[in-house]
Amino acid sequence: RKLDFDAGRVTVTTLAGLARTRDDAMRFRDGAALLAVFNSPVGVSVDLAPTARTGFRVAVADSENNAVRMIDVDLRSLTAVVSTLVGLDCTASEGCSKGLQDGSIDKARVNNPTAVEFAPKAFGKKTRLSRGGFRQ
């Protein structure tokens, strides 16, 4: 969510994520940004570099889903799409499995990530995340 403060007024804008109740069973969904579902998104990082004129990307540490999610925003069409960068799709039969596991992007696992950042180009434009220990 974004807060804009202008002349004593506050405007709240949702970039991605459905409002849900505490009892709502749906805790994970990729797809159109306003229909996506997160579970404790606690850290975000914005990357303007790849498409500064046409859009930007936001990495999200989705802590309780044990995942890092990506919001790709296209300013030309005014659309945004959420996808899972690292971690299992929690709607799959495996559920939101915890644990740290290195490997290819579809096999790697993260455990309750709390921070993400886009590394500078000098580091190969990696997305880094951490909680307790540092993983890259």
C-alpha atoms as a PDB file:
ATOM      1  CA  ARG A   1       0.000   0.000   0.000  1.00  0.00           C
ATOM      2  CA  LYS A   2       1.076   3.534  -0.667  1.00  0.00           C
ATOM      3  CA  LEU A   3       0.233   6.567   1.454  1.00  0.00           C
ATOM      4  CA  ASP A   4       0.142  10.035  -0.120  1.00  0.00           C
ATOM      5  CA  PHE A   5       0.079  13.029   2.215  1.00  0.00           C
ATOM      6  CA  ASP A   6      -1.222  16.174   0.546  1.00  0.00           C
ATOM      7  CA  ALA A   7      -2.461  19.299   2.332  1.00  0.00           C
ATOM      8  CA  GLY A   8      -3.583  17.452   5.424  1.00  0.00           C
ATOM      9  CA  ARG A   9      -5.308  14.665   3.478  1.00  0.00           C
ATOM     10  CA  VAL A  10      -4.104  11.100   3.241  1.00  0.00           C
ATOM     11  CA  THR A  11      -4.817   8.931   0.213  1.00  0.00           C
ATOM     12  CA  VAL A  12      -4.211   5.177   0.430  1.00  0.00           C
ATOM     13  CA  THR A  13      -3.546   3.258  -2.791  1.00  0.00           C
ATOM     14  CA  THR A  14      -3.190  -0.508  -3.088  1.00  0.00           C
ATOM     15  CA  LEU A  15      -0.593  -1.650  -5.625  1.00  0.00           C
ATOM     16  CA  ALA A  16      -1.241  -5.353  -5.086  1.00  0.00           C
ATOM     17  CA  GLY A  17      -3.144  -7.679  -2.802  1.00  0.00           C
ATOM     18  CA  LEU A  18      -6.747  -8.347  -1.898  1.00  0.00           C
ATOM     19  CA  ALA A  19      -8.129  -7.310   1.434  1.00  0.00           C
ATOM     20  CA  ARG A  20      -8.968 -10.444   3.369  1.00  0.00           C
ATOM     21  CA  THR A  21     -10.170 -11.399   6.808  1.00  0.00           C
ATOM     22  CA  ARG A  22      -8.139 -13.254   9.412  1.00  0.00           C
ATOM     23  CA  ASP A  23     -10.308 -16.352   8.852  1.00  0.00           C
ATOM     24  CA  ASP A  24      -9.920 -16.306   5.072  1.00  0.00           C
ATOM     25  CA  ALA A  25      -8.380 -19.601   3.948  1.00  0.00           C
ATOM     26  CA  MET A  26      -6.860 -18.095   0.776  1.00  0.00           C
ATOM     27  CA  ARG A  27      -3.350 -16.994   1.722  1.00  0.00           C
ATOM     28  CA  PHE A  28      -1.549 -17.228  -1.630  1.00  0.00           C
ATOM     29  CA  ARG A  29      -2.414 -16.336  -5.205  1.00  0.00           C
ATOM     30  CA  ASP A  30      -0.346 -15.079  -8.138  1.00  0.00           C
ATOM     31  CA  GLY A  31      -1.839 -13.231 -11.091  1.00  0.00           C
ATOM     32  CA  ALA A  32      -3.421  -9.832 -11.596  1.00  0.00           C
ATOM     33  CA  ALA A  33      -2.060  -7.584  -8.839  1.00  0.00           C
ATOM     34  CA  LEU A  34      -5.374  -6.516  -7.350  1.00  0.00           C
ATOM     35  CA  LEU A  35      -6.494 -10.163  -7.115  1.00  0.00           C
ATOM     36  CA  ALA A  36      -3.209 -11.490  -5.734  1.00  0.00           C
ATOM     37  CA  VAL A  37      -3.030 -12.677  -2.131  1.00  0.00           C
ATOM     38  CA  PHE A  38      -0.060 -12.298   0.222  1.00  0.00           C
ATOM     39  CA  ASN A  39       0.457 -13.622   3.745  1.00  0.00           C
ATOM     40  CA  SER A  40       2.507 -11.220   5.874  1.00  0.00           C
ATOM     41  CA  PRO A  41       4.351  -9.173   3.267  1.00  0.00           C
ATOM     42  CA  VAL A  42       7.001  -7.511   5.436  1.00  0.00           C
ATOM     43  CA  GLY A  43       9.784  -6.228   3.192  1.00  0.00           C
ATOM     44  CA  VAL A  44       9.744  -4.566  -0.220  1.00  0.00           C
ATOM     45  CA  SER A  45      12.299  -3.230  -2.670  1.00  0.00           C
ATOM     46  CA  VAL A  46      11.637  -1.225  -5.826  1.00  0.00           C
ATOM     47  CA  ASP A  47      13.689  -1.687  -8.998  1.00  0.00           C
ATOM     48  CA  LEU A  48      13.229   1.126 -11.513  1.00  0.00           C
ATOM     49  CA  ALA A  49      16.202   0.251 -13.724  1.00  0.00           C
ATOM     50  CA  PRO A  50      14.945  -2.440 -16.103  1.00  0.00           C
ATOM     51  CA  THR A  51      12.000  -0.544 -17.516  1.00  0.00           C
ATOM     52  CA  ALA A  52      12.152   2.950 -16.028  1.00  0.00           C
ATOM     53  CA  ARG A  53      10.179   4.499 -18.894  1.00  0.00           C
ATOM     54  CA  THR A  54       7.575   1.791 -19.196  1.00  0.00           C
ATOM     55  CA  GLY A  55       7.284   0.328 -15.698  1.00  0.00           C
ATOM     56  CA  PHE A  56       9.026  -0.958 -12.616  1.00  0.00           C
ATOM     57  CA  ARG A  57       9.302  -4.043 -10.413  1.00  0.00           C
ATOM     58  CA  VAL A  58       8.667  -4.486  -6.704  1.00  0.00           C
ATOM     59  CA  ALA A  59      10.124  -7.474  -4.847  1.00  0.00           C
ATOM     60  CA  VAL A  60       8.136  -8.531  -1.774  1.00  0.00           C
ATOM     61  CA  ALA A  61       9.300 -10.697   1.131  1.00  0.00           C
ATOM     62  CA  ASP A  62       6.096 -12.701   1.678  1.00  0.00           C
ATOM     63  CA  SER A  63       7.125 -14.022   5.070  1.00  0.00           C
ATOM     64  CA  GLU A  64       4.388 -16.452   6.064  1.00  0.00           C
ATOM     65  CA  ASN A  65       4.243 -17.893   2.550  1.00  0.00           C
ATOM     66  CA  ASN A  66       8.013 -18.562   2.692  1.00  0.00           C
ATOM     67  CA  ALA A  67       8.374 -16.865  -0.666  1.00  0.00           C
ATOM     68  CA  VAL A  68       9.751 -13.886  -2.511  1.00  0.00           C
ATOM     69  CA  ARG A  69       7.153 -12.464  -4.862  1.00  0.00           C
ATOM     70  CA  MET A  70       7.573 -10.014  -7.727  1.00  0.00           C
ATOM     71  CA  ILE A  71       5.123  -7.333  -8.800  1.00  0.00           C
ATOM     72  CA  ASP A  72       5.740  -6.268 -12.411  1.00  0.00           C
ATOM     73  CA  VAL A  73       4.092  -2.924 -13.119  1.00  0.00           C
ATOM     74  CA  ASP A  74       3.489  -1.804 -16.713  1.00  0.00           C
ATOM     75  CA  LEU A  75       2.874   1.932 -16.843  1.00  0.00           C
ATOM     76  CA  ARG A  76       1.797   1.850 -20.490  1.00  0.00           C
ATOM     77  CA  SER A  77      -1.197  -0.415 -19.872  1.00  0.00           C
ATOM     78  CA  LEU A  78      -1.581   0.535 -16.193  1.00  0.00           C
ATOM     79  CA  THR A  79      -1.511  -3.117 -15.178  1.00  0.00           C
ATOM     80  CA  ALA A  80       0.477  -5.101 -12.641  1.00  0.00           C
ATOM     81  CA  VAL A  81       1.055  -8.832 -12.273  1.00  0.00           C
ATOM     82  CA  VAL A  82       2.277 -10.771  -9.232  1.00  0.00           C
ATOM     83  CA  SER A  83       4.450 -13.872  -9.634  1.00  0.00           C
ATOM     84  CA  THR A  84       6.497 -16.027  -7.302  1.00  0.00           C
ATOM     85  CA  LEU A  85      10.233 -15.536  -7.733  1.00  0.00           C
ATOM     86  CA  VAL A  86      11.438 -17.998  -5.062  1.00  0.00           C
ATOM     87  CA  GLY A  87       9.398 -20.428  -2.974  1.00  0.00           C
ATOM     88  CA  LEU A  88       6.662 -22.921  -3.674  1.00  0.00           C
ATOM     89  CA  ASP A  89       3.248 -21.988  -4.921  1.00  0.00           C
ATOM     90  CA  CYS A  90       1.347 -22.425  -1.666  1.00  0.00           C
ATOM     91  CA  THR A  91      -1.722 -23.621  -3.507  1.00  0.00           C
ATOM     92  CA  ALA A  92       0.217 -26.653  -4.736  1.00  0.00           C
ATOM     93  CA  SER A  93      -0.045 -29.969  -2.927  1.00  0.00           C
ATOM     94  CA  GLU A  94       3.263 -29.334  -1.139  1.00  0.00           C
ATOM     95  CA  GLY A  95       1.898 -26.237   0.567  1.00  0.00           C
ATOM     96  CA  CYS A  96       4.157 -23.444   1.819  1.00  0.00           C
ATOM     97  CA  SER A  97       7.146 -25.530   2.821  1.00  0.00           C
ATOM     98  CA  LYS A  98       9.752 -23.900   5.030  1.00  0.00           C
ATOM     99  CA  GLY A  99      13.463 -24.337   4.971  1.00  0.00           C
ATOM    100  CA  LEU A 100      16.541 -23.004   3.281  1.00  0.00           C
ATOM    101  CA  GLN A 101      17.528 -24.807   0.137  1.00  0.00           C
ATOM    102  CA  ASP A 102      19.860 -23.640  -2.578  1.00  0.00           C
ATOM    103  CA  GLY A 103      19.155 -24.629  -6.137  1.00  0.00           C
ATOM    104  CA  SER A 104      17.475 -23.541  -9.311  1.00  0.00           C
ATOM    105  CA  ILE A 105      14.748 -20.955  -8.996  1.00  0.00           C
ATOM    106  CA  ASP A 106      11.999 -23.605  -9.049  1.00  0.00           C
ATOM    107  CA  LYS A 107      13.697 -25.744  -6.363  1.00  0.00           C
ATOM    108  CA  ALA A 108      15.124 -23.110  -3.992  1.00  0.00           C
ATOM    109  CA  ARG A 109      13.393 -22.509  -0.651  1.00  0.00           C
ATOM    110  CA  VAL A 110      13.407 -19.613   1.783  1.00  0.00           C
ATOM    111  CA  ASN A 111      12.299 -19.544   5.402  1.00  0.00           C
ATOM    112  CA  ASN A 112      10.181 -16.562   6.481  1.00  0.00           C
ATOM    113  CA  PRO A 113      12.042 -13.883   4.498  1.00  0.00           C
ATOM    114  CA  THR A 114      11.769 -10.420   6.038  1.00  0.00           C
ATOM    115  CA  ALA A 115      13.831  -8.249   3.693  1.00  0.00           C
ATOM    116  CA  VAL A 116      14.635  -8.102  -0.005  1.00  0.00           C
ATOM    117  CA  GLU A 117      16.793  -5.769  -2.055  1.00  0.00           C
ATOM    118  CA  PHE A 118      17.905  -5.373  -5.625  1.00  0.00           C
ATOM    119  CA  ALA A 119      21.701  -5.459  -5.760  1.00  0.00           C
ATOM    120  CA  PRO A 120      23.520  -2.937  -7.967  1.00  0.00           C
ATOM    121  CA  LYS A 121      24.490  -3.888 -11.513  1.00  0.00           C
ATOM    122  CA  ALA A 122      28.056  -4.549 -10.352  1.00  0.00           C
ATOM    123  CA  PHE A 123      26.702  -7.610  -8.520  1.00  0.00           C
ATOM    124  CA  GLY A 124      24.897  -9.029 -11.537  1.00  0.00           C
ATOM    125  CA  LYS A 125      21.479  -7.509 -10.730  1.00  0.00           C
ATOM    126  CA  LYS A 126      20.601 -10.153  -8.142  1.00  0.00           C
ATOM    127  CA  THR A 127      17.728 -10.007  -5.726  1.00  0.00           C
ATOM    128  CA  ARG A 128      18.949 -10.616  -2.186  1.00  0.00           C
ATOM    129  CA  LEU A 129      16.890 -11.606   0.811  1.00  0.00           C
ATOM    130  CA  SER A 130      17.487 -12.319   4.461  1.00  0.00           C
ATOM    131  CA  ARG A 131      16.141 -13.353   7.813  1.00  0.00           C
ATOM    132  CA  GLY A 132      18.505 -14.505  10.489  1.00  0.00           C
ATOM    133  CA  GLY A 133      21.182 -15.358   7.936  1.00  0.00           C
ATOM    134  CA  PHE A 134      22.090 -13.829   4.620  1.00  0.00           C
ATOM    135  CA  ARG A 135      21.167 -15.628   1.416  1.00  0.00           C
ATOM    136  CA  GLN A 136      21.895 -14.421  -2.064  1.00  0.00           C
END
